[in-house]
Amino acid sequence: MSWPEPPLLRRRLAAIGLSLCVAALELILAFWGFSFGVPVPGSPSHGANGISVPLSVFNLQAVAATRPAQRAAKATPLPIPKPKLAKPAPLAVGPAAIDPDLVPSHEADEASLAAFEPLSGQHGAEAPCSLAQDLARDLQANPLAQRALERIPARSTSIAGALLLWDGRWLIADTDPGAVMLREIVLREVLAAKPDCLAAVNIGPQFLFVSSGSKTTTIVIGSGQWRWGDLTTSP
């Protein structure tokens, strides 16, 4: 019994190792989804009748080149349908609710305004000018002024309850009956004051604190340099 020649043994071992490598490679490719019957265009192992032959390491590169095209075709995104917007339901329009307590009684207000006697016109000729104090006292004591303050909506005042009434011009809406009545009371108070009081220069605003019901309103009149007489000529 004789042992094979060393070169022959090496060749056999090399052939066995190569076979094992090819088998391992085919298992790996099968795991990743490659089939072993894919026809390869231009490959010498592809028959004329179109029958595929088993995959080998020699036509692996051609098969790999065909895979990206197949995957790209599968990854084509589908068109996204446009959502259909539902039409909003029409709002039900009904008659606006009116609080009877807020409906001004014009006849009663006109009668009270005609009977109003401003405190600023009751001082003597030698009395000092105290128009801001007189106005604050009349707004506090006059029922007509109290009703006017109650009619002023909360949106017309600041968070602290301040109402900017005049700042070079009247800052009130003609559609606000409470503010309109308040302007008439202030104008009557100013017109009843002495001429020298109307011509005196004021620096900065005047703050009038008036309580009505459960709230206190800070009425702000003037800004910068101004005169009481300016209230009678401004729009």
Protein backbone atom coordinates (compact mmCIF):
# COMPACT_ATOMS: atom_id res chain seq x y z
CA MET A 1 0.00 0.00 0.00
CA SER A 2 1.49 3.33 -1.06
CA TRP A 3 0.46 6.89 -0.02
CA PRO A 4 -0.48 9.36 -2.75
CA GLU A 5 2.10 11.68 -4.01
CA PRO A 6 2.16 14.92 -2.06
CA PRO A 7 1.32 17.07 -5.14
CA LEU A 8 -1.71 14.89 -5.92
CA LEU A 9 -2.91 15.15 -2.33
CA ARG A 10 -2.63 18.92 -2.42
CA ARG A 11 -4.65 19.08 -5.62
CA ARG A 12 -7.41 16.93 -4.15
CA LEU A 13 -7.54 18.98 -0.96
CA ALA A 14 -7.69 22.18 -3.01
CA ALA A 15 -10.57 20.79 -5.10
CA ILE A 16 -12.46 19.76 -1.97
CA GLY A 17 -11.92 23.20 -0.40
CA LEU A 18 -13.09 24.95 -3.54
CA SER A 19 -16.24 22.83 -3.63
CA LEU A 20 -16.95 23.65 0.00
CA CYS A 21 -16.49 27.39 -0.69
CA VAL A 22 -18.87 27.26 -3.65
CA ALA A 23 -21.46 25.40 -1.59
CA ALA A 24 -21.15 27.92 1.26
CA LEU A 25 -21.48 30.83 -1.19
CA GLU A 26 -24.60 29.27 -2.74
CA LEU A 27 -26.15 28.86 0.72
CA ILE A 28 -25.45 32.52 1.54
CA LEU A 29 -26.96 33.68 -1.75
CA ALA A 30 -30.02 31.48 -1.20
CA PHE A 31 -30.48 33.05 2.22
CA TRP A 32 -30.52 36.55 0.66
CA GLY A 33 -33.09 35.60 -1.96
CA PHE A 34 -30.98 34.77 -5.02
CA SER A 35 -32.32 31.92 -7.10
CA PHE A 36 -30.09 29.41 -8.82
CA GLY A 37 -32.08 29.10 -12.01
CA VAL A 38 -31.93 32.73 -13.20
CA PRO A 39 -31.15 33.05 -16.90
CA VAL A 40 -28.19 35.32 -17.41
CA PRO A 41 -28.12 37.22 -20.73
CA GLY A 42 -24.90 36.73 -22.59
CA SER A 43 -23.69 34.03 -20.24
CA PRO A 44 -21.92 31.06 -21.86
CA SER A 45 -23.89 28.67 -19.63
CA HIS A 46 -27.30 29.90 -20.91
CA GLY A 47 -28.69 27.58 -23.53
CA ALA A 48 -30.22 28.56 -26.83
CA ASN A 49 -33.63 27.27 -25.79
CA GLY A 50 -33.80 29.71 -22.82
CA ILE A 51 -33.46 27.02 -20.13
CA SER A 52 -31.62 28.34 -17.12
CA VAL A 53 -28.65 26.53 -15.70
CA PRO A 54 -27.48 26.36 -12.10
CA LEU A 55 -25.78 29.45 -10.79
CA SER A 56 -22.03 29.41 -10.47
CA VAL A 57 -19.43 31.84 -9.30
CA PHE A 58 -18.72 32.79 -12.93
CA ASN A 59 -22.17 34.22 -13.71
CA LEU A 60 -22.79 35.69 -10.24
CA GLN A 61 -21.78 39.18 -11.36
CA ALA A 62 -24.35 39.19 -14.19
CA VAL A 63 -27.14 38.04 -11.85
CA ALA A 64 -26.26 40.70 -9.29
CA ALA A 65 -26.51 43.36 -12.02
CA THR A 66 -30.13 42.37 -12.72
CA ARG A 67 -31.23 42.52 -9.08
CA PRO A 68 -31.23 46.36 -8.58
CA ALA A 69 -33.58 46.82 -11.55
CA GLN A 70 -36.01 44.26 -10.14
CA ARG A 71 -35.92 45.86 -6.67
CA ALA A 72 -36.42 49.34 -8.12
CA ALA A 73 -39.48 48.13 -9.98
CA LYS A 74 -40.95 46.71 -6.76
CA ALA A 75 -40.21 49.95 -4.84
CA THR A 76 -42.29 52.20 -7.14
CA PRO A 77 -44.46 54.31 -4.78
CA LEU A 78 -48.20 54.21 -5.23
CA PRO A 79 -50.05 57.51 -5.78
CA ILE A 80 -51.39 59.04 -2.57
CA PRO A 81 -55.14 59.71 -2.79
CA LYS A 82 -56.15 63.29 -2.10
CA PRO A 83 -58.28 63.65 1.03
CA LYS A 84 -61.81 64.84 0.53
CA LEU A 85 -62.55 67.88 2.66
CA ALA A 86 -65.95 67.90 4.25
CA LYS A 87 -67.95 71.07 3.75
CA PRO A 88 -68.63 72.86 7.05
CA ALA A 89 -72.21 72.88 8.14
CA PRO A 90 -73.89 76.27 7.79
CA LEU A 91 -74.11 78.25 10.99
CA ALA A 92 -77.53 78.67 12.41
CA VAL A 93 -78.32 82.39 12.41
CA GLY A 94 -80.93 83.45 14.89
CA PRO A 95 -81.98 86.65 16.56
CA ALA A 96 -79.35 88.14 18.85
CA ALA A 97 -80.18 87.92 22.53
CA ILE A 98 -80.58 91.38 24.06
CA ASP A 99 -80.39 91.94 27.78
CA PRO A 100 -83.28 94.21 28.73
CA ASP A 101 -81.18 95.77 31.50
CA LEU A 102 -78.70 97.06 28.89
CA VAL A 103 -81.28 98.69 26.61
CA PRO A 104 -80.93 102.45 27.25
CA SER A 105 -84.01 104.40 28.10
CA HIS A 106 -83.37 107.53 26.05
CA GLU A 107 -86.18 109.60 27.51
CA ALA A 108 -85.08 108.97 31.10
CA ASP A 109 -81.44 109.62 30.27
CA GLU A 110 -82.20 112.90 28.49
CA ALA A 111 -84.31 114.08 31.42
CA SER A 112 -81.57 113.20 33.91
CA LEU A 113 -78.90 114.88 31.75
CA ALA A 114 -80.99 118.05 31.44
CA ALA A 115 -81.40 118.19 35.24
CA PHE A 116 -77.69 117.60 35.88
CA GLU A 117 -76.04 120.51 37.73
CA PRO A 118 -72.23 120.19 37.53
CA LEU A 119 -70.39 120.76 40.76
CA SER A 120 -67.69 122.75 38.93
CA GLY A 121 -70.18 125.57 38.24
CA GLN A 122 -71.17 126.00 41.88
CA HIS A 123 -67.92 127.54 43.14
CA GLY A 124 -67.32 131.22 43.63
CA ALA A 125 -65.09 133.36 41.44
CA GLU A 126 -62.26 133.26 43.99
CA ALA A 127 -62.31 129.49 44.50
CA PRO A 128 -59.33 127.55 43.15
CA CYS A 129 -59.75 125.29 40.13
CA SER A 130 -60.64 121.77 41.23
CA LEU A 131 -62.19 120.43 38.03
CA ALA A 132 -60.73 116.90 38.35
CA GLN A 133 -62.05 116.52 41.92
CA ASP A 134 -65.45 117.96 40.99
CA LEU A 135 -65.75 115.64 38.02
CA ALA A 136 -64.85 112.57 40.09
CA ARG A 137 -67.41 113.47 42.77
CA ASP A 138 -70.18 114.04 40.22
CA LEU A 139 -69.45 110.77 38.41
CA GLN A 140 -69.63 108.98 41.76
CA ALA A 141 -72.84 110.62 42.98
CA ASN A 142 -74.85 111.02 39.77
CA PRO A 143 -77.15 108.03 39.06
CA LEU A 144 -76.96 108.77 35.34
CA ALA A 145 -73.15 108.44 35.43
CA GLN A 146 -73.46 105.23 37.40
CA ARG A 147 -75.76 103.72 34.78
CA ALA A 148 -73.38 104.86 32.04
CA LEU A 149 -70.45 103.10 33.71
CA GLU A 150 -72.49 99.90 34.08
CA ARG A 151 -73.23 99.93 30.33
CA ILE A 152 -69.59 100.17 29.28
CA PRO A 153 -68.50 96.69 28.05
CA ALA A 154 -65.49 94.99 29.59
CA ARG A 155 -63.62 95.00 26.24
CA SER A 156 -63.44 98.82 26.42
CA THR A 157 -61.41 98.75 29.64
CA SER A 158 -58.01 97.31 30.46
CA ILE A 159 -57.32 94.37 32.76
CA ALA A 160 -56.90 96.80 35.67
CA GLY A 161 -60.28 98.40 34.89
CA ALA A 162 -58.86 101.58 33.32
CA LEU A 163 -60.93 103.46 30.71
CA LEU A 164 -58.99 105.87 28.48
CA LEU A 165 -61.69 108.42 27.74
CA TRP A 166 -59.80 111.28 26.08
CA ASP A 167 -56.22 111.59 24.80
CA GLY A 168 -56.27 114.57 22.46
CA ARG A 169 -59.43 113.05 20.96
CA TRP A 170 -62.37 111.10 22.31
CA LEU A 171 -61.45 107.40 22.36
CA ILE A 172 -64.95 105.96 22.52
CA ALA A 173 -67.26 104.30 20.03
CA ASP A 174 -70.47 106.06 19.07
CA THR A 175 -72.21 102.68 19.22
CA ASP A 176 -71.43 102.35 22.94
CA PRO A 177 -74.31 104.09 24.75
CA GLY A 178 -72.57 104.02 28.12
CA ALA A 179 -69.42 105.73 26.84
CA VAL A 180 -71.44 108.29 24.86
CA MET A 181 -73.42 109.26 27.94
CA LEU A 182 -70.23 109.46 29.98
CA ARG A 183 -68.74 111.85 27.40
CA GLU A 184 -71.81 114.12 27.64
CA ILE A 185 -71.52 114.27 31.44
CA VAL A 186 -67.80 115.12 31.27
CA LEU A 187 -68.42 117.85 28.65
CA ARG A 188 -71.16 119.45 30.77
CA GLU A 189 -68.84 119.43 33.77
CA VAL A 190 -66.02 121.05 31.78
CA LEU A 191 -68.26 123.72 30.19
CA ALA A 192 -69.52 124.75 33.64
CA ALA A 193 -66.00 125.41 34.94
CA LYS A 194 -64.42 128.89 35.10
CA PRO A 195 -62.50 130.16 32.05
CA ASP A 196 -59.17 130.33 33.88
CA CYS A 197 -59.63 126.69 34.90
CA LEU A 198 -60.21 125.70 31.28
CA ALA A 199 -57.10 127.58 30.14
CA ALA A 200 -54.77 126.14 32.79
CA VAL A 201 -52.11 123.76 31.47
CA ASN A 202 -52.11 120.18 32.75
CA ILE A 203 -49.07 117.90 32.55
CA GLY A 204 -49.77 114.20 32.32
CA PRO A 205 -53.08 112.37 32.64
CA GLN A 206 -55.75 112.85 35.23
CA PHE A 207 -56.99 109.68 36.96
CA LEU A 208 -60.57 109.60 38.25
CA PHE A 209 -61.48 106.60 40.45
CA VAL A 210 -65.22 105.92 40.31
CA SER A 211 -66.99 102.98 41.96
CA SER A 212 -70.12 101.55 40.40
CA GLY A 213 -71.74 98.43 41.76
CA SER A 214 -69.05 95.88 42.62
CA LYS A 215 -66.29 97.36 40.43
CA THR A 216 -64.07 100.42 40.39
CA THR A 217 -63.32 102.09 37.07
CA THR A 218 -60.26 104.29 36.58
CA ILE A 219 -61.18 106.99 34.06
CA VAL A 220 -58.10 108.42 32.36
CA ILE A 221 -58.27 111.88 30.76
CA GLY A 222 -55.38 113.65 29.01
CA SER A 223 -51.76 112.90 28.15
CA GLY A 224 -48.65 115.03 27.89
CA GLN A 225 -49.43 118.79 27.91
CA TRP A 226 -53.11 119.68 27.53
CA ARG A 227 -55.94 121.93 28.79
CA TRP A 228 -59.45 121.14 29.99
CA GLY A 229 -60.79 123.44 27.30
CA ASP A 230 -59.32 121.10 24.63
CA LEU A 231 -62.05 118.56 25.44
CA THR A 232 -64.69 120.94 24.07
CA THR A 233 -63.02 121.46 20.68
CA SER A 234 -61.57 118.02 19.84
CA PRO A 235 -63.43 115.46 17.72
